[in-house]
């Protein structure tokens, strides 16, 4: 990969000017209230409307320029090899593609099979435990019968 040396000065100047104009636009929007020439609770006076809408336009344009400068900087850094290029996604071969429905059915079938096996083991344990209890009960009944006789 061939590397190229880039000049970052133009990007820093662009970012700086964009941030400064964004702050100026914000100040224009807030200035009527900060300087007190817009009375509280009253409909906007002409000066307030002018400052607010001009400030909003300046802020939007500076955000747009900030995004463009950042995109340009990112592109130049990728070209210079400082930032890795985004990997391109490779299409999956047709043989490896599994339909989503089939995958869901397989997962469901595996889960149900595992659940059935667990339930069968649990039932077998309970039956085994009951047969032991019955045998113990019969032994106790036989010993009680012997004692009484």
Foldseek 3Di string as FASTA:
>chain_A
DDADDDDCVVLVVLLVVLVVLLVVLVCLQCVCVVVVVADPPDPGDPSNVVSNVVSVVSNVVSVVSNVVSVVVVVVNCCRRVVDPDDDDDDDDDPVPDDDPVVVVVVVVVVVVVVVVVVVVVVVVVVVVVVVVVVVVVVVVVVVVVVVVD
